[in-house]
Amino acid sequence: MKEAPVAPMAVILGIDDLRPLPRATRIARTSREGVQLLEEHRDSFIDELWLDHDLGGEDTIMPVVTLMEEAAFNGRPFQIGAVFVHSANPIGAETVVRSLARWGYRVRRATA
C-alpha cells in the first residue's frame, strides 16, 4: 500500500524579542539572530516572515530590513510569500512596510 505524499511543512520565520509567535517554525530574538536566520534560508522559500520593529534596548529590525533591501538591489531578493510587520511602534512599522514594499516584497501590517 502506497503512503500518501506528505506536504512540506511551511517555513514561517519570526523576528521578535518578546512575542511567542506560535505559528513560527523558527524565532530570532535580536537583529543579529534575525540576519543569521535569513542567511540560513537564503536559497529556500520562506512562506511567511514576521517582523517586530523594536527588539529591546537600542536594537531594531533595521539590520534585517537592510539585508533584504541589499539582496533585492543585487537582483537576488529573498523568496518570501508574505512579510507581516506586527510592531506596536507605528512609525517604525510604517518605515519597514514602505522600505520593503519599495523593493517588491509582499508586506503589510498585521497583528501577531
C-alpha atoms as a PDB file:
ATOM      1  CA  MET A   1       0.000   0.000   0.000  1.00  0.00           C
ATOM      2  CA  LYS A   2       1.369   3.401  -1.015  1.00  0.00           C
ATOM      3  CA  GLU A   3       1.694   6.141   1.558  1.00  0.00           C
ATOM      4  CA  ALA A   4       0.141   9.474   0.715  1.00  0.00           C
ATOM      5  CA  PRO A   5       2.734  12.143  -0.077  1.00  0.00           C
ATOM      6  CA  VAL A   6       3.489  14.389   2.863  1.00  0.00           C
ATOM      7  CA  ALA A   7       3.121  18.084   2.196  1.00  0.00           C
ATOM      8  CA  PRO A   8       6.253  20.021   3.104  1.00  0.00           C
ATOM      9  CA  MET A   9       5.973  21.964   6.337  1.00  0.00           C
ATOM     10  CA  ALA A  10       5.552  25.685   5.839  1.00  0.00           C
ATOM     11  CA  VAL A  11       8.577  27.805   6.724  1.00  0.00           C
ATOM     12  CA  ILE A  12       7.376  30.588   8.994  1.00  0.00           C
ATOM     13  CA  LEU A  13      10.119  32.749  10.487  1.00  0.00           C
ATOM     14  CA  GLY A  14       9.677  35.339  13.205  1.00  0.00           C
ATOM     15  CA  ILE A  15      11.957  38.071  14.469  1.00  0.00           C
ATOM     16  CA  ASP A  16      10.621  39.438  17.743  1.00  0.00           C
ATOM     17  CA  ASP A  17      12.184  39.990  21.153  1.00  0.00           C
ATOM     18  CA  LEU A  18       9.111  39.119  23.239  1.00  0.00           C
ATOM     19  CA  ARG A  19       6.161  37.542  21.431  1.00  0.00           C
ATOM     20  CA  PRO A  20       5.958  33.740  21.328  1.00  0.00           C
ATOM     21  CA  LEU A  21       4.695  33.632  17.675  1.00  0.00           C
ATOM     22  CA  PRO A  22       3.178  30.143  17.991  1.00  0.00           C
ATOM     23  CA  ARG A  23       2.908  29.572  14.209  1.00  0.00           C
ATOM     24  CA  ALA A  24       6.601  30.290  13.633  1.00  0.00           C
ATOM     25  CA  THR A  25       8.859  27.354  12.846  1.00  0.00           C
ATOM     26  CA  ARG A  26      11.908  29.423  13.946  1.00  0.00           C
ATOM     27  CA  ILE A  27      12.209  32.621  16.003  1.00  0.00           C
ATOM     28  CA  ALA A  28      15.088  35.073  16.315  1.00  0.00           C
ATOM     29  CA  ARG A  29      15.133  37.439  19.290  1.00  0.00           C
ATOM     30  CA  THR A  30      17.661  40.046  18.080  1.00  0.00           C
ATOM     31  CA  SER A  31      18.504  41.696  14.774  1.00  0.00           C
ATOM     32  CA  ARG A  32      21.800  39.785  14.690  1.00  0.00           C
ATOM     33  CA  GLU A  33      19.960  36.461  15.118  1.00  0.00           C
ATOM     34  CA  GLY A  34      17.439  37.639  12.508  1.00  0.00           C
ATOM     35  CA  VAL A  35      20.144  38.298   9.933  1.00  0.00           C
ATOM     36  CA  GLN A  36      21.629  34.842  10.621  1.00  0.00           C
ATOM     37  CA  LEU A  37      18.188  33.232  10.342  1.00  0.00           C
ATOM     38  CA  LEU A  38      17.534  34.829   6.954  1.00  0.00           C
ATOM     39  CA  GLU A  39      21.014  33.901   5.724  1.00  0.00           C
ATOM     40  CA  GLU A  40      20.334  30.267   6.698  1.00  0.00           C
ATOM     41  CA  HIS A  41      17.241  30.371   4.476  1.00  0.00           C
ATOM     42  CA  ARG A  42      18.923  32.311   1.650  1.00  0.00           C
ATOM     43  CA  ASP A  43      18.271  29.740  -1.048  1.00  0.00           C
ATOM     44  CA  SER A  44      14.923  28.394   0.123  1.00  0.00           C
ATOM     45  CA  PHE A  45      11.368  29.673   0.034  1.00  0.00           C
ATOM     46  CA  ILE A  46      10.046  31.336   3.190  1.00  0.00           C
ATOM     47  CA  ASP A  47       6.266  31.147   3.373  1.00  0.00           C
ATOM     48  CA  GLU A  48       5.896  33.901   5.981  1.00  0.00           C
ATOM     49  CA  LEU A  49       8.256  36.306   7.714  1.00  0.00           C
ATOM     50  CA  TRP A  50       7.000  38.098  10.848  1.00  0.00           C
ATOM     51  CA  LEU A  51       8.894  41.228  11.888  1.00  0.00           C
ATOM     52  CA  ASP A  52       8.760  43.373  15.012  1.00  0.00           C
ATOM     53  CA  HIS A  53      10.409  46.794  14.769  1.00  0.00           C
ATOM     54  CA  ASP A  54      11.669  47.275  18.344  1.00  0.00           C
ATOM     55  CA  LEU A  55      13.805  44.368  19.558  1.00  0.00           C
ATOM     56  CA  GLY A  56      14.766  45.568  23.022  1.00  0.00           C
ATOM     57  CA  GLY A  57      17.157  48.301  24.103  1.00  0.00           C
ATOM     58  CA  GLU A  58      18.615  50.061  21.090  1.00  0.00           C
ATOM     59  CA  ASP A  59      18.124  47.046  18.790  1.00  0.00           C
ATOM     60  CA  THR A  60      15.657  47.319  15.914  1.00  0.00           C
ATOM     61  CA  ILE A  61      14.698  45.261  12.869  1.00  0.00           C
ATOM     62  CA  MET A  62      16.514  47.664  10.533  1.00  0.00           C
ATOM     63  CA  PRO A  63      19.661  45.488  10.002  1.00  0.00           C
ATOM     64  CA  VAL A  64      17.309  42.743   8.747  1.00  0.00           C
ATOM     65  CA  VAL A  65      15.476  45.234   6.507  1.00  0.00           C
ATOM     66  CA  THR A  66      18.812  46.468   5.143  1.00  0.00           C
ATOM     67  CA  LEU A  67      19.856  42.882   4.345  1.00  0.00           C
ATOM     68  CA  MET A  68      16.584  42.334   2.474  1.00  0.00           C
ATOM     69  CA  GLU A  69      16.913  45.640   0.587  1.00  0.00           C
ATOM     70  CA  GLU A  70      20.500  44.883  -0.439  1.00  0.00           C
ATOM     71  CA  ALA A  71      19.505  41.422  -1.637  1.00  0.00           C
ATOM     72  CA  ALA A  72      16.791  42.948  -3.825  1.00  0.00           C
ATOM     73  CA  PHE A  73      19.135  45.677  -5.073  1.00  0.00           C
ATOM     74  CA  ASN A  74      21.615  42.970  -6.115  1.00  0.00           C
ATOM     75  CA  GLY A  75      18.914  41.114  -8.052  1.00  0.00           C
ATOM     76  CA  ARG A  76      18.576  38.264  -5.534  1.00  0.00           C
ATOM     77  CA  PRO A  77      15.671  39.179  -3.271  1.00  0.00           C
ATOM     78  CA  PHE A  78      14.757  36.692  -0.593  1.00  0.00           C
ATOM     79  CA  GLN A  79      11.926  34.429  -1.776  1.00  0.00           C
ATOM     80  CA  ILE A  80       9.192  35.213   0.736  1.00  0.00           C
ATOM     81  CA  GLY A  81       5.472  34.596   0.271  1.00  0.00           C
ATOM     82  CA  ALA A  82       4.409  37.351   2.692  1.00  0.00           C
ATOM     83  CA  VAL A  83       6.078  39.660   5.202  1.00  0.00           C
ATOM     84  CA  PHE A  84       4.000  40.739   8.194  1.00  0.00           C
ATOM     85  CA  VAL A  85       5.064  43.688  10.355  1.00  0.00           C
ATOM     86  CA  HIS A  86       3.482  43.387  13.799  1.00  0.00           C
ATOM     87  CA  SER A  87       5.102  46.195  15.761  1.00  0.00           C
ATOM     88  CA  ALA A  88       3.491  48.354  18.441  1.00  0.00           C
ATOM     89  CA  ASN A  89       5.666  51.195  17.090  1.00  0.00           C
ATOM     90  CA  PRO A  90       3.522  52.722  14.306  1.00  0.00           C
ATOM     91  CA  ILE A  91       6.256  54.934  12.845  1.00  0.00           C
ATOM     92  CA  GLY A  92       8.839  52.138  12.870  1.00  0.00           C
ATOM     93  CA  ALA A  93       6.353  49.672  11.396  1.00  0.00           C
ATOM     94  CA  GLU A  94       5.415  52.047   8.592  1.00  0.00           C
ATOM     95  CA  THR A  95       9.101  52.603   7.795  1.00  0.00           C
ATOM     96  CA  VAL A  96       9.604  48.834   7.469  1.00  0.00           C
ATOM     97  CA  VAL A  97       6.498  48.400   5.306  1.00  0.00           C
ATOM     98  CA  ARG A  98       7.484  51.255   2.978  1.00  0.00           C
ATOM     99  CA  SER A  99      11.109  50.128   2.716  1.00  0.00           C
ATOM    100  CA  LEU A 100      10.303  46.526   1.851  1.00  0.00           C
ATOM    101  CA  ALA A 101       7.375  47.328  -0.457  1.00  0.00           C
ATOM    102  CA  ARG A 102       9.682  49.613  -2.437  1.00  0.00           C
ATOM    103  CA  TRP A 103      11.813  46.561  -3.265  1.00  0.00           C
ATOM    104  CA  GLY A 104       8.897  44.383  -4.306  1.00  0.00           C
ATOM    105  CA  TYR A 105       8.374  42.337  -1.151  1.00  0.00           C
ATOM    106  CA  ARG A 106       4.749  41.487  -0.348  1.00  0.00           C
ATOM    107  CA  VAL A 107       4.488  43.231   3.008  1.00  0.00           C
ATOM    108  CA  ARG A 108       1.716  44.506   5.252  1.00  0.00           C
ATOM    109  CA  ARG A 109       0.903  45.486   8.812  1.00  0.00           C
ATOM    110  CA  ALA A 110      -0.535  42.723  10.956  1.00  0.00           C
ATOM    111  CA  THR A 111      -1.357  41.714  14.498  1.00  0.00           C
ATOM    112  CA  ALA A 112       0.706  38.886  15.967  1.00  0.00           C
END
